[in-house]
Protein backbone atom coordinates (compact mmCIF):
# COMPACT_ATOMS: atom_id res chain seq x y z
CA UNK A 1 31.76 17.55 12.47
CA UNK A 2 32.09 18.11 16.21
CA UNK A 3 31.62 15.06 18.37
CA UNK A 4 31.59 16.93 21.66
CA UNK A 5 28.16 17.38 23.23
CA UNK A 6 26.99 20.97 23.25
CA UNK A 7 24.10 20.86 25.76
CA UNK A 8 26.35 21.30 28.81
CA UNK A 9 27.91 24.43 27.31
CA UNK A 10 24.53 26.10 26.91
CA UNK A 11 23.74 25.47 30.58
CA UNK A 12 27.17 26.69 31.70
CA UNK A 13 27.90 23.47 33.57
CA UNK A 14 31.52 22.50 34.19
CA UNK A 15 32.51 19.17 32.66
CA UNK A 16 33.88 16.76 35.28
CA UNK A 17 34.50 13.83 32.92
CA UNK A 18 34.19 13.30 29.18
CA UNK A 19 35.10 10.11 27.35
CA UNK A 20 34.49 7.61 24.57
CA UNK A 21 34.47 3.80 24.71
CA UNK A 22 37.84 2.20 23.96
CA UNK A 23 38.13 -0.48 21.30
CA UNK A 24 41.10 -2.60 22.35
CA UNK A 25 41.07 -1.77 26.05
CA UNK A 26 37.29 -2.11 26.28
CA UNK A 27 37.02 -5.47 24.51
CA UNK A 28 40.51 -6.91 24.09
CA UNK A 29 39.38 -10.46 23.30
CA UNK A 30 36.96 -9.25 20.62
CA UNK A 31 39.71 -7.14 19.06
CA UNK A 32 42.22 -10.03 19.13
CA UNK A 33 39.61 -12.39 17.66
CA UNK A 34 39.16 -10.04 14.71
CA UNK A 35 42.92 -9.91 14.14
CA UNK A 36 43.07 -13.70 14.40
CA UNK A 37 40.22 -13.98 11.87
CA UNK A 38 42.22 -11.78 9.53
CA UNK A 39 45.33 -13.97 9.92
CA UNK A 40 43.42 -17.25 9.57
CA UNK A 41 41.46 -15.90 6.62
CA UNK A 42 44.68 -14.84 4.92
CA UNK A 43 46.19 -18.28 5.50
CA UNK A 44 43.13 -19.99 4.05
CA UNK A 45 43.32 -17.72 1.02
CA UNK A 46 46.98 -18.63 0.53
CA UNK A 47 46.17 -22.35 0.76
CA UNK A 48 43.24 -21.87 -1.65
CA UNK A 49 45.46 -20.07 -4.14
CA UNK A 50 48.08 -22.84 -3.87
CA UNK A 51 45.49 -25.62 -4.24
CA UNK A 52 43.83 -24.07 -7.29
CA UNK A 53 47.12 -22.80 -8.70
CA UNK A 54 45.37 -19.53 -9.36
CA UNK A 55 46.53 -16.32 -7.76
CA UNK A 56 43.29 -14.64 -8.80
CA UNK A 57 41.14 -16.97 -6.67
CA UNK A 58 43.40 -16.42 -3.67
CA UNK A 59 43.42 -12.66 -4.20
CA UNK A 60 39.64 -12.45 -4.46
CA UNK A 61 39.21 -14.60 -1.35
CA UNK A 62 41.75 -12.45 0.52
CA UNK A 63 39.94 -9.27 -0.50
CA UNK A 64 36.64 -10.69 0.75
CA UNK A 65 38.19 -11.60 4.13
CA UNK A 66 39.91 -8.22 4.50
CA UNK A 67 36.72 -6.37 3.48
CA UNK A 68 34.56 -8.32 5.96
CA UNK A 69 36.94 -7.85 8.90
CA UNK A 70 37.54 -4.24 7.85
CA UNK A 71 33.80 -3.48 7.88
CA UNK A 72 33.42 -4.96 11.36
CA UNK A 73 36.39 -2.90 12.63
CA UNK A 74 35.14 0.29 10.92
CA UNK A 75 31.64 -0.11 12.34
CA UNK A 76 33.04 -0.75 15.81
CA UNK A 77 35.41 2.23 15.55
CA UNK A 78 32.59 4.56 14.44
CA UNK A 79 30.38 3.34 17.29
CA UNK A 80 33.19 4.05 19.79
CA UNK A 81 34.23 7.36 18.27
CA UNK A 82 30.72 8.76 18.07
CA UNK A 83 29.53 7.69 21.52
CA UNK A 84 30.37 10.22 24.21
CA UNK A 85 29.60 10.13 27.91
CA UNK A 86 29.80 13.52 29.59
CA UNK A 87 29.47 14.00 33.34
CA UNK A 88 28.86 17.56 34.49
CA UNK A 89 28.20 18.73 38.02
CA UNK A 90 24.42 18.40 37.43
CA UNK A 91 23.85 15.80 34.69
CA UNK A 92 25.16 12.73 32.89
CA UNK A 93 24.76 12.99 29.12
CA UNK A 94 25.17 10.16 26.60
CA UNK A 95 25.46 11.25 22.96
CA UNK A 96 25.46 8.48 20.35
CA UNK A 97 25.35 8.18 16.58
CA UNK A 98 27.23 9.39 13.54
CA UNK A 99 24.65 10.10 10.83
CA UNK A 100 21.69 10.36 13.17
CA UNK A 101 22.29 11.52 16.74
CA UNK A 102 20.59 10.56 19.99
CA UNK A 103 21.10 12.22 23.37
CA UNK A 104 20.07 10.82 26.73
CA UNK A 105 20.40 12.98 29.84
CA UNK A 106 19.92 12.15 33.50
CA UNK A 107 20.00 14.67 36.30
CA UNK A 108 22.20 13.43 39.12
CA UNK A 109 19.53 14.16 41.73
CA UNK A 110 17.25 11.64 39.93
CA UNK A 111 19.83 8.84 39.81
CA UNK A 112 18.83 5.82 41.92
CA UNK A 113 21.21 3.14 40.70
CA UNK A 114 24.69 3.06 39.20
CA UNK A 115 25.98 -0.32 38.05
CA UNK A 116 29.61 -0.86 37.06
CA UNK A 117 30.65 -4.12 35.39
CA UNK A 118 34.17 -5.24 34.51
CA UNK A 119 35.36 -8.49 33.01
CA UNK A 120 38.73 -9.88 34.05
CA UNK A 121 40.35 -8.40 30.92
CA UNK A 122 38.65 -5.03 31.38
CA UNK A 123 39.96 -4.87 34.94
CA UNK A 124 43.48 -5.46 33.61
CA UNK A 125 43.06 -2.64 31.10
CA UNK A 126 41.21 -0.24 33.44
CA UNK A 127 37.93 -0.16 31.53
CA UNK A 128 34.38 -1.35 32.12
CA UNK A 129 30.74 -0.67 31.48
CA UNK A 130 28.47 1.63 33.41
CA UNK A 131 24.67 1.71 33.65
CA UNK A 132 22.88 4.62 35.27
CA UNK A 133 19.16 4.45 36.04
CA UNK A 134 16.50 6.44 37.85
CA UNK A 135 13.56 5.38 39.99
CA UNK A 136 11.34 5.75 36.92
CA UNK A 137 13.07 2.87 35.14
CA UNK A 138 14.20 -0.64 36.06
CA UNK A 139 16.70 -0.78 33.19
CA UNK A 140 19.74 1.40 32.70
CA UNK A 141 18.72 4.63 31.04
CA UNK A 142 22.33 5.38 30.22
CA UNK A 143 24.44 2.34 29.40
CA UNK A 144 27.88 2.42 27.80
CA UNK A 145 30.77 -0.04 27.74
CA UNK A 146 34.51 0.29 27.29
CA UNK A 147 34.77 3.39 29.47
CA UNK A 148 38.08 4.20 31.18
CA UNK A 149 37.96 4.25 34.99
CA UNK A 150 34.25 3.39 35.33
CA UNK A 151 34.44 3.38 39.16
CA UNK A 152 35.76 6.95 39.09
CA UNK A 153 32.86 8.00 36.84
CA UNK A 154 30.38 6.32 39.20
CA UNK A 155 31.98 8.08 42.19
CA UNK A 156 31.68 11.47 40.47
CA UNK A 157 27.97 10.87 39.95
CA UNK A 158 27.40 9.53 43.49
CA UNK A 159 29.05 12.63 44.99
CA UNK A 160 26.43 14.76 43.26
CA UNK A 161 23.34 12.58 43.74
CA UNK A 162 22.02 14.43 46.78
CA UNK A 163 22.65 17.93 45.45
CA UNK A 164 19.70 19.88 44.09
């Protein structure tokens, strides 16, 4: 299954930027919290097994913890892997979804607002979120987090805002 958007190829537009959200670099504290939950959960399972003197209870509890954290990580990874922001010389295109797909396109000439947000940790890792909206909407019509160099992406779009 191809995860690259195809709509820009049909229009013959050159791709200026193409990227996916980053897991660790986009949300480092969230990622570390999941790893900590895995470590704490494993420790609790070890204590439980020692207290009950049953390796089976500890093993089942450990499997539950690993499965829960694993599902959260897998869901997060799929969401990052199958979300793609493409900036061409005429449009910004956000493709999302694995089983069902959704595409949102904005022409650069229609863009009225570009908002870039970075937490302290995202600034350290060079990532951030970007919201792009038009005059027709108060909210961001394209919003994606964990993007590398979000200010560079915003600058690419701003350079092309006035072009027809």
